[in-house]
Amino acid sequence: YFIKAYFSFDVNMTKPDPAYFQLLIQDNELNVKT
């Protein structure tokens, strides 16, 4: 159902760690404003 799934056990980070969000942003070139 998703383009990509990020699981904390795979990326060794958990929400709410900002680094976890940054991984999503950078991997997918997301514009957080949209």
PDB file of all heavy atoms in Angstrom:
ATOM      1  N   TYR A   1       0.815  -1.213   0.000  1.00  0.00           N
ATOM      2  CA  TYR A   1       0.000   0.000   0.000  1.00  0.00           C
ATOM      3  C   TYR A   1       0.851   1.268   0.000  1.00  0.00           C
ATOM      4  O   TYR A   1       0.324   2.368  -0.123  1.00  0.00           O
ATOM      5  CB  TYR A   1      -0.948   0.011   1.207  1.00  0.00           C
ATOM      6  CG  TYR A   1      -2.032  -1.025   1.084  1.00  0.00           C
ATOM      7  CD1 TYR A   1      -1.849  -2.311   1.570  1.00  0.00           C
ATOM      8  CD2 TYR A   1      -3.223  -0.727   0.437  1.00  0.00           C
ATOM      9  CE1 TYR A   1      -2.840  -3.277   1.433  1.00  0.00           C
ATOM     10  CE2 TYR A   1      -4.209  -1.674   0.293  1.00  0.00           C
ATOM     11  CZ  TYR A   1      -4.012  -2.950   0.788  1.00  0.00           C
ATOM     12  OH  TYR A   1      -4.995  -3.893   0.633  1.00  0.00           O
ATOM     13  N   PHE A   2       2.151   1.112   0.104  1.00  0.00           N
ATOM     14  CA  PHE A   2       3.042   2.253   0.239  1.00  0.00           C
ATOM     15  C   PHE A   2       4.161   2.191  -0.791  1.00  0.00           C
ATOM     16  O   PHE A   2       4.571   1.114  -1.212  1.00  0.00           O
ATOM     17  CB  PHE A   2       3.661   2.269   1.649  1.00  0.00           C
ATOM     18  CG  PHE A   2       2.628   2.385   2.731  1.00  0.00           C
ATOM     19  CD1 PHE A   2       2.092   1.250   3.321  1.00  0.00           C
ATOM     20  CD2 PHE A   2       2.164   3.625   3.133  1.00  0.00           C
ATOM     21  CE1 PHE A   2       1.112   1.349   4.303  1.00  0.00           C
ATOM     22  CE2 PHE A   2       1.195   3.742   4.109  1.00  0.00           C
ATOM     23  CZ  PHE A   2       0.662   2.602   4.698  1.00  0.00           C
ATOM     24  N   ILE A   3       4.653   3.369  -1.188  1.00  0.00           N
ATOM     25  CA  ILE A   3       5.820   3.444  -2.068  1.00  0.00           C
ATOM     26  C   ILE A   3       6.990   2.744  -1.386  1.00  0.00           C
ATOM     27  O   ILE A   3       7.718   1.980  -1.990  1.00  0.00           O
ATOM     28  CB  ILE A   3       6.204   4.918  -2.353  1.00  0.00           C
ATOM     29  CG1 ILE A   3       5.063   5.656  -3.021  1.00  0.00           C
ATOM     30  CG2 ILE A   3       7.516   5.024  -3.115  1.00  0.00           C
ATOM     31  CD1 ILE A   3       5.057   5.695  -4.502  1.00  0.00           C
ATOM     32  N   LYS A   4       7.166   3.055  -0.092  1.00  0.00           N
ATOM     33  CA  LYS A   4       8.220   2.436   0.680  1.00  0.00           C
ATOM     34  C   LYS A   4       7.808   2.415   2.143  1.00  0.00           C
ATOM     35  O   LYS A   4       7.166   3.344   2.630  1.00  0.00           O
ATOM     36  CB  LYS A   4       9.533   3.207   0.519  1.00  0.00           C
ATOM     37  CG  LYS A   4      10.715   2.511   1.170  1.00  0.00           C
ATOM     38  CD  LYS A   4      12.035   3.124   0.772  1.00  0.00           C
ATOM     39  CE  LYS A   4      13.161   2.341   1.428  1.00  0.00           C
ATOM     40  NZ  LYS A   4      14.460   2.913   1.121  1.00  0.00           N
ATOM     41  N   ALA A   5       8.183   1.349   2.824  1.00  0.00           N
ATOM     42  CA  ALA A   5       7.929   1.224   4.257  1.00  0.00           C
ATOM     43  C   ALA A   5       9.253   1.312   4.997  1.00  0.00           C
ATOM     44  O   ALA A   5      10.234   0.669   4.613  1.00  0.00           O
ATOM     45  CB  ALA A   5       7.236  -0.098   4.570  1.00  0.00           C
ATOM     46  N   TYR A   6       9.255   2.129   6.036  1.00  0.00           N
ATOM     47  CA  TYR A   6      10.428   2.285   6.897  1.00  0.00           C
ATOM     48  C   TYR A   6      10.090   1.712   8.261  1.00  0.00           C
ATOM     49  O   TYR A   6       9.185   2.209   8.936  1.00  0.00           O
ATOM     50  CB  TYR A   6      10.794   3.770   7.051  1.00  0.00           C
ATOM     51  CG  TYR A   6      11.302   4.391   5.775  1.00  0.00           C
ATOM     52  CD1 TYR A   6      10.423   4.813   4.789  1.00  0.00           C
ATOM     53  CD2 TYR A   6      12.663   4.546   5.550  1.00  0.00           C
ATOM     54  CE1 TYR A   6      10.876   5.372   3.609  1.00  0.00           C
ATOM     55  CE2 TYR A   6      13.129   5.107   4.368  1.00  0.00           C
ATOM     56  CZ  TYR A   6      12.229   5.522   3.409  1.00  0.00           C
ATOM     57  OH  TYR A   6      12.693   6.075   2.247  1.00  0.00           O
ATOM     58  N   PHE A   7      10.795   0.663   8.644  1.00  0.00           N
ATOM     59  CA  PHE A   7      10.575   0.031   9.942  1.00  0.00           C
ATOM     60  C   PHE A   7      11.767   0.340  10.834  1.00  0.00           C
ATOM     61  O   PHE A   7      12.928   0.192  10.416  1.00  0.00           O
ATOM     62  CB  PHE A   7      10.392  -1.481   9.785  1.00  0.00           C
ATOM     63  CG  PHE A   7       9.190  -1.840   8.958  1.00  0.00           C
ATOM     64  CD1 PHE A   7       9.336  -2.407   7.713  1.00  0.00           C
ATOM     65  CD2 PHE A   7       7.906  -1.594   9.436  1.00  0.00           C
ATOM     66  CE1 PHE A   7       8.229  -2.745   6.942  1.00  0.00           C
ATOM     67  CE2 PHE A   7       6.794  -1.927   8.679  1.00  0.00           C
ATOM     68  CZ  PHE A   7       6.952  -2.497   7.430  1.00  0.00           C
ATOM     69  N   SER A   8      11.475   0.728  12.050  1.00  0.00           N
ATOM     70  CA  SER A   8      12.535   1.129  12.976  1.00  0.00           C
ATOM     71  C   SER A   8      13.572   0.022  13.167  1.00  0.00           C
ATOM     72  O   SER A   8      14.761   0.305  13.292  1.00  0.00           O
ATOM     73  CB  SER A   8      11.939   1.560  14.312  1.00  0.00           C
ATOM     74  OG  SER A   8      11.161   0.528  14.868  1.00  0.00           O
ATOM     75  N   PHE A   9      13.138  -1.224  13.141  1.00  0.00           N
ATOM     76  CA  PHE A   9      14.087  -2.313  13.329  1.00  0.00           C
ATOM     77  C   PHE A   9      15.028  -2.476  12.138  1.00  0.00           C
ATOM     78  O   PHE A   9      16.100  -3.051  12.267  1.00  0.00           O
ATOM     79  CB  PHE A   9      13.378  -3.638  13.651  1.00  0.00           C
ATOM     80  CG  PHE A   9      12.409  -4.110  12.606  1.00  0.00           C
ATOM     81  CD1 PHE A   9      12.819  -4.861  11.512  1.00  0.00           C
ATOM     82  CD2 PHE A   9      11.053  -3.821  12.724  1.00  0.00           C
ATOM     83  CE1 PHE A   9      11.919  -5.312  10.559  1.00  0.00           C
ATOM     84  CE2 PHE A   9      10.140  -4.272  11.777  1.00  0.00           C
ATOM     85  CZ  PHE A   9      10.576  -5.015  10.689  1.00  0.00           C
ATOM     86  N   ASP A  10      14.652  -1.951  10.976  1.00  0.00           N
ATOM     87  CA  ASP A  10      15.523  -2.003   9.803  1.00  0.00           C
ATOM     88  C   ASP A  10      16.501  -0.826   9.761  1.00  0.00           C
ATOM     89  O   ASP A  10      17.623  -0.961   9.281  1.00  0.00           O
ATOM     90  CB  ASP A  10      14.704  -1.984   8.506  1.00  0.00           C
ATOM     91  CG  ASP A  10      14.075  -3.318   8.182  1.00  0.00           C
ATOM     92  OD1 ASP A  10      14.629  -4.358   8.573  1.00  0.00           O
ATOM     93  OD2 ASP A  10      13.014  -3.313   7.528  1.00  0.00           O
ATOM     94  N   VAL A  11      16.032   0.336  10.210  1.00  0.00           N
ATOM     95  CA  VAL A  11      16.852   1.554  10.094  1.00  0.00           C
ATOM     96  C   VAL A  11      17.538   1.931  11.405  1.00  0.00           C
ATOM     97  O   VAL A  11      18.266   2.924  11.460  1.00  0.00           O
ATOM     98  CB  VAL A  11      16.018   2.731   9.551  1.00  0.00           C
ATOM     99  CG1 VAL A  11      15.495   2.425   8.155  1.00  0.00           C
ATOM    100  CG2 VAL A  11      14.888   3.092  10.499  1.00  0.00           C
ATOM    101  N   ASN A  12      17.296   1.166  12.463  1.00  0.00           N
ATOM    102  CA  ASN A  12      17.910   1.411  13.769  1.00  0.00           C
ATOM    103  C   ASN A  12      17.625   2.801  14.320  1.00  0.00           C
ATOM    104  O   ASN A  12      18.504   3.431  14.921  1.00  0.00           O
ATOM    105  CB  ASN A  12      19.419   1.135  13.726  1.00  0.00           C
ATOM    106  CG  ASN A  12      19.719  -0.307  13.428  1.00  0.00           C
ATOM    107  OD1 ASN A  12      19.125  -1.207  14.005  1.00  0.00           O
ATOM    108  ND2 ASN A  12      20.629  -0.539  12.503  1.00  0.00           N
ATOM    109  N   MET A  13      16.413   3.273  14.070  1.00  0.00           N
ATOM    110  CA  MET A  13      15.936   4.543  14.617  1.00  0.00           C
ATOM    111  C   MET A  13      14.460   4.370  14.942  1.00  0.00           C
ATOM    112  O   MET A  13      13.800   3.501  14.371  1.00  0.00           O
ATOM    113  CB  MET A  13      16.081   5.676  13.597  1.00  0.00           C
ATOM    114  CG  MET A  13      17.499   6.060  13.288  1.00  0.00           C
ATOM    115  SD  MET A  13      17.570   7.412  12.101  1.00  0.00           S
ATOM    116  CE  MET A  13      17.684   6.489  10.567  1.00  0.00           C
ATOM    117  N   THR A  14      13.961   5.193  15.835  1.00  0.00           N
ATOM    118  CA  THR A  14      12.533   5.160  16.146  1.00  0.00           C
ATOM    119  C   THR A  14      11.983   6.576  16.125  1.00  0.00           C
ATOM    120  O   THR A  14      12.709   7.557  16.369  1.00  0.00           O
ATOM    121  CB  THR A  14      12.267   4.550  17.541  1.00  0.00           C
ATOM    122  OG1 THR A  14      12.977   5.295  18.521  1.00  0.00           O
ATOM    123  CG2 THR A  14      12.667   3.084  17.600  1.00  0.00           C
ATOM    124  N   LYS A  15      10.692   6.679  15.800  1.00  0.00           N
ATOM    125  CA  LYS A  15      10.009   7.954  15.966  1.00  0.00           C
ATOM    126  C   LYS A  15       9.951   8.213  17.467  1.00  0.00           C
ATOM    127  O   LYS A  15       9.796   7.256  18.222  1.00  0.00           O
ATOM    128  CB  LYS A  15       8.582   7.886  15.398  1.00  0.00           C
ATOM    129  CG  LYS A  15       8.498   7.626  13.922  1.00  0.00           C
ATOM    130  CD  LYS A  15       7.053   7.515  13.447  1.00  0.00           C
ATOM    131  CE  LYS A  15       6.437   6.211  13.915  1.00  0.00           C
ATOM    132  NZ  LYS A  15       5.058   6.007  13.466  1.00  0.00           N
ATOM    133  N   PRO A  16      10.103   9.380  17.930  1.00  0.00           N
ATOM    134  CA  PRO A  16      10.132  10.674  17.250  1.00  0.00           C
ATOM    135  C   PRO A  16      11.521  11.216  16.921  1.00  0.00           C
ATOM    136  O   PRO A  16      11.680  12.420  16.723  1.00  0.00           O
ATOM    137  CB  PRO A  16       9.433  11.585  18.255  1.00  0.00           C
ATOM    138  CG  PRO A  16       9.811  11.048  19.588  1.00  0.00           C
ATOM    139  CD  PRO A  16       9.916   9.551  19.388  1.00  0.00           C
ATOM    140  N   ASP A  17      12.535  10.386  16.820  1.00  0.00           N
ATOM    141  CA  ASP A  17      13.886  10.841  16.502  1.00  0.00           C
ATOM    142  C   ASP A  17      13.879  11.614  15.183  1.00  0.00           C
ATOM    143  O   ASP A  17      13.505  11.054  14.136  1.00  0.00           O
ATOM    144  CB  ASP A  17      14.813   9.629  16.407  1.00  0.00           C
ATOM    145  CG  ASP A  17      16.270   9.987  16.143  1.00  0.00           C
ATOM    146  OD1 ASP A  17      16.567  11.149  15.810  1.00  0.00           O
ATOM    147  OD2 ASP A  17      17.109   9.084  16.258  1.00  0.00           O
ATOM    148  N   PRO A  18      14.275  12.881  15.198  1.00  0.00           N
ATOM    149  CA  PRO A  18      14.294  13.659  13.949  1.00  0.00           C
ATOM    150  C   PRO A  18      15.122  13.004  12.838  1.00  0.00           C
ATOM    151  O   PRO A  18      14.815  13.178  11.653  1.00  0.00           O
ATOM    152  CB  PRO A  18      14.900  15.000  14.373  1.00  0.00           C
ATOM    153  CG  PRO A  18      14.600  15.106  15.829  1.00  0.00           C
ATOM    154  CD  PRO A  18      14.665  13.685  16.351  1.00  0.00           C
ATOM    155  N   ALA A  19      16.145  12.240  13.206  1.00  0.00           N
ATOM    156  CA  ALA A  19      16.966  11.564  12.189  1.00  0.00           C
ATOM    157  C   ALA A  19      16.142  10.561  11.382  1.00  0.00           C
ATOM    158  O   ALA A  19      16.397  10.360  10.191  1.00  0.00           O
ATOM    159  CB  ALA A  19      18.158  10.871  12.845  1.00  0.00           C
ATOM    160  N   TYR A  20      15.165   9.960  12.010  1.00  0.00           N
ATOM    161  CA  TYR A  20      14.276   9.010  11.317  1.00  0.00           C
ATOM    162  C   TYR A  20      13.463   9.757  10.249  1.00  0.00           C
ATOM    163  O   TYR A  20      13.356   9.324   9.102  1.00  0.00           O
ATOM    164  CB  TYR A  20      13.376   8.341  12.349  1.00  0.00           C
ATOM    165  CG  TYR A  20      12.625   7.097  11.921  1.00  0.00           C
ATOM    166  CD1 TYR A  20      12.777   6.497  10.684  1.00  0.00           C
ATOM    167  CD2 TYR A  20      11.738   6.504  12.810  1.00  0.00           C
ATOM    168  CE1 TYR A  20      12.068   5.354  10.341  1.00  0.00           C
ATOM    169  CE2 TYR A  20      11.023   5.369  12.475  1.00  0.00           C
ATOM    170  CZ  TYR A  20      11.195   4.799  11.246  1.00  0.00           C
ATOM    171  OH  TYR A  20      10.490   3.664  10.910  1.00  0.00           O
ATOM    172  N   PHE A  21      12.947  10.921  10.622  1.00  0.00           N
ATOM    173  CA  PHE A  21      12.199  11.734   9.665  1.00  0.00           C
ATOM    174  C   PHE A  21      13.118  12.229   8.547  1.00  0.00           C
ATOM    175  O   PHE A  21      12.722  12.256   7.379  1.00  0.00           O
ATOM    176  CB  PHE A  21      11.549  12.927  10.377  1.00  0.00           C
ATOM    177  CG  PHE A  21      10.409  12.560  11.276  1.00  0.00           C
ATOM    178  CD1 PHE A  21      10.627  12.247  12.606  1.00  0.00           C
ATOM    179  CD2 PHE A  21       9.107  12.525  10.794  1.00  0.00           C
ATOM    180  CE1 PHE A  21       9.580  11.906  13.443  1.00  0.00           C
ATOM    181  CE2 PHE A  21       8.048  12.188  11.627  1.00  0.00           C
ATOM    182  CZ  PHE A  21       8.293  11.878  12.949  1.00  0.00           C
ATOM    183  N   GLN A  22      14.340  12.619   8.910  1.00  0.00           N
ATOM    184  CA  GLN A  22      15.288  13.105   7.905  1.00  0.00           C
ATOM    185  C   GLN A  22      15.624  12.009   6.892  1.00  0.00           C
ATOM    186  O   GLN A  22      15.786  12.287   5.704  1.00  0.00           O
ATOM    187  CB  GLN A  22      16.577  13.616   8.577  1.00  0.00           C
ATOM    188  CG  GLN A  22      16.404  14.900   9.349  1.00  0.00           C
ATOM    189  CD  GLN A  22      16.024  16.091   8.482  1.00  0.00           C
ATOM    190  OE1 GLN A  22      16.173  16.085   7.264  1.00  0.00           O
ATOM    191  NE2 GLN A  22      15.507  17.122   9.121  1.00  0.00           N
ATOM    192  N   LEU A  23      15.699  10.779   7.350  1.00  0.00           N
ATOM    193  CA  LEU A  23      15.930   9.654   6.434  1.00  0.00           C
ATOM    194  C   LEU A  23      14.819   9.579   5.396  1.00  0.00           C
ATOM    195  O   LEU A  23      15.080   9.465   4.197  1.00  0.00           O
ATOM    196  CB  LEU A  23      16.013   8.341   7.220  1.00  0.00           C
ATOM    197  CG  LEU A  23      16.106   7.060   6.386  1.00  0.00           C
ATOM    198  CD1 LEU A  23      17.426   7.005   5.621  1.00  0.00           C
ATOM    199  CD2 LEU A  23      15.940   5.844   7.276  1.00  0.00           C
ATOM    200  N   LEU A  24      13.583   9.661   5.847  1.00  0.00           N
ATOM    201  CA  LEU A  24      12.428   9.635   4.933  1.00  0.00           C
ATOM    202  C   LEU A  24      12.483  10.807   3.957  1.00  0.00           C
ATOM    203  O   LEU A  24      12.276  10.634   2.753  1.00  0.00           O
ATOM    204  CB  LEU A  24      11.135   9.673   5.747  1.00  0.00           C
ATOM    205  CG  LEU A  24       9.842   9.678   4.952  1.00  0.00           C
ATOM    206  CD1 LEU A  24       9.549   8.288   4.406  1.00  0.00           C
ATOM    207  CD2 LEU A  24       8.692  10.159   5.800  1.00  0.00           C
ATOM    208  N   ILE A  25      12.769  11.989   4.483  1.00  0.00           N
ATOM    209  CA  ILE A  25      12.829  13.199   3.654  1.00  0.00           C
ATOM    210  C   ILE A  25      13.905  13.055   2.583  1.00  0.00           C
ATOM    211  O   ILE A  25      13.653  13.287   1.396  1.00  0.00           O
ATOM    212  CB  ILE A  25      13.098  14.443   4.536  1.00  0.00           C
ATOM    213  CG1 ILE A  25      11.904  14.720   5.455  1.00  0.00           C
ATOM    214  CG2 ILE A  25      13.416  15.656   3.669  1.00  0.00           C
ATOM    215  CD1 ILE A  25      12.204  15.699   6.592  1.00  0.00           C
ATOM    216  N   GLN A  26      15.107  12.672   2.996  1.00  0.00           N
ATOM    217  CA  GLN A  26      16.228  12.601   2.065  1.00  0.00           C
ATOM    218  C   GLN A  26      16.079  11.469   1.056  1.00  0.00           C
ATOM    219  O   GLN A  26      16.334  11.663  -0.136  1.00  0.00           O
ATOM    220  CB  GLN A  26      17.539  12.472   2.833  1.00  0.00           C
ATOM    221  CG  GLN A  26      17.885  13.740   3.585  1.00  0.00           C
ATOM    222  CD  GLN A  26      19.022  13.568   4.577  1.00  0.00           C
ATOM    223  OE1 GLN A  26      19.567  12.487   4.734  1.00  0.00           O
ATOM    224  NE2 GLN A  26      19.380  14.651   5.252  1.00  0.00           N
ATOM    225  N   ASP A  27      15.650  10.300   1.520  1.00  0.00           N
ATOM    226  CA  ASP A  27      15.484   9.156   0.613  1.00  0.00           C
ATOM    227  C   ASP A  27      14.495   9.444  -0.512  1.00  0.00           C
ATOM    228  O   ASP A  27      14.628   8.910  -1.605  1.00  0.00           O
ATOM    229  CB  ASP A  27      14.972   7.928   1.375  1.00  0.00           C
ATOM    230  CG  ASP A  27      16.079   7.067   1.937  1.00  0.00           C
ATOM    231  OD1 ASP A  27      17.255   7.459   1.855  1.00  0.00           O
ATOM    232  OD2 ASP A  27      15.753   5.993   2.465  1.00  0.00           O
ATOM    233  N   ASN A  28      13.493  10.249  -0.205  1.00  0.00           N
ATOM    234  CA  ASN A  28      12.397  10.445  -1.154  1.00  0.00           C
ATOM    235  C   ASN A  28      12.286  11.867  -1.664  1.00  0.00           C
ATOM    236  O   ASN A  28      11.311  12.210  -2.339  1.00  0.00           O
ATOM    237  CB  ASN A  28      11.095   9.995  -0.498  1.00  0.00           C
ATOM    238  CG  ASN A  28      11.182   8.548  -0.072  1.00  0.00           C
ATOM    239  OD1 ASN A  28      11.153   7.656  -0.908  1.00  0.00           O
ATOM    240  ND2 ASN A  28      11.349   8.306   1.225  1.00  0.00           N
ATOM    241  N   GLU A  29      13.288  12.688  -1.327  1.00  0.00           N
ATOM    242  CA  GLU A  29      13.315  14.087  -1.764  1.00  0.00           C
ATOM    243  C   GLU A  29      11.983  14.772  -1.476  1.00  0.00           C
ATOM    244  O   GLU A  29      11.394  15.430  -2.334  1.00  0.00           O
ATOM    245  CB  GLU A  29      13.693  14.177  -3.238  1.00  0.00           C
ATOM    246  CG  GLU A  29      15.068  13.600  -3.525  1.00  0.00           C
ATOM    247  CD  GLU A  29      15.449  13.615  -4.993  1.00  0.00           C
ATOM    248  OE1 GLU A  29      14.644  14.055  -5.845  1.00  0.00           O
ATOM    249  OE2 GLU A  29      16.571  13.167  -5.290  1.00  0.00           O
ATOM    250  N   LEU A  30      11.506  14.603  -0.250  1.00  0.00           N
ATOM    251  CA  LEU A  30      10.219  15.178   0.143  1.00  0.00           C
ATOM    252  C   LEU A  30      10.344  16.650   0.480  1.00  0.00           C
ATOM    253  O   LEU A  30      11.334  17.080   1.070  1.00  0.00           O
ATOM    254  CB  LEU A  30       9.657  14.442   1.360  1.00  0.00           C
ATOM    255  CG  LEU A  30       9.333  12.970   1.207  1.00  0.00           C
ATOM    256  CD1 LEU A  30       8.783  12.413   2.522  1.00  0.00           C
ATOM    257  CD2 LEU A  30       8.341  12.741   0.082  1.00  0.00           C
ATOM    258  N   ASN A  31       9.328  17.389   0.134  1.00  0.00           N
ATOM    259  CA  ASN A  31       9.185  18.769   0.570  1.00  0.00           C
ATOM    260  C   ASN A  31       8.224  18.729   1.757  1.00  0.00           C
ATOM    261  O   ASN A  31       7.026  18.460   1.573  1.00  0.00           O
ATOM    262  CB  ASN A  31       8.628  19.629  -0.561  1.00  0.00           C
ATOM    263  CG  ASN A  31       8.381  21.061  -0.141  1.00  0.00           C
ATOM    264  OD1 ASN A  31       8.482  21.425   1.033  1.00  0.00           O
ATOM    265  ND2 ASN A  31       8.038  21.897  -1.112  1.00  0.00           N
ATOM    266  N   VAL A  32       8.721  18.969   2.948  1.00  0.00           N
ATOM    267  CA  VAL A  32       7.873  18.838   4.139  1.00  0.00           C
ATOM    268  C   VAL A  32       6.695  19.802   4.112  1.00  0.00           C
ATOM    269  O   VAL A  32       5.661  19.537   4.724  1.00  0.00           O
ATOM    270  CB  VAL A  32       8.674  19.000   5.452  1.00  0.00           C
ATOM    271  CG1 VAL A  32       9.657  17.863   5.612  1.00  0.00           C
ATOM    272  CG2 VAL A  32       9.358  20.348   5.529  1.00  0.00           C
ATOM    273  N   LYS A  33       6.837  20.905   3.403  1.00  0.00           N
ATOM    274  CA  LYS A  33       5.743  21.884   3.334  1.00  0.00           C
ATOM    275  C   LYS A  33       4.542  21.361   2.545  1.00  0.00           C
ATOM    276  O   LYS A  33       3.445  21.864   2.673  1.00  0.00           O
ATOM    277  CB  LYS A  33       6.246  23.193   2.740  1.00  0.00           C
ATOM    278  CG  LYS A  33       7.401  23.789   3.522  1.00  0.00           C
ATOM    279  CD  LYS A  33       7.163  25.226   3.845  1.00  0.00           C
ATOM    280  CE  LYS A  33       8.296  25.842   4.616  1.00  0.00           C
ATOM    281  NZ  LYS A  33       8.337  25.530   6.005  1.00  0.00           N
ATOM    282  N   THR A  34       4.776  20.312   1.738  1.00  0.00           N
ATOM    283  CA  THR A  34       3.684  19.715   0.968  1.00  0.00           C
ATOM    284  C   THR A  34       3.466  18.258   1.357  1.00  0.00           C
ATOM    285  O   THR A  34       2.896  17.482   0.592  1.00  0.00           O
ATOM    286  CB  THR A  34       3.954  19.810  -0.546  1.00  0.00           C
ATOM    287  OG1 THR A  34       5.168  19.110  -0.838  1.00  0.00           O
ATOM    288  CG2 THR A  34       4.039  21.253  -1.000  1.00  0.00           C
TER     289      THR A  34
END
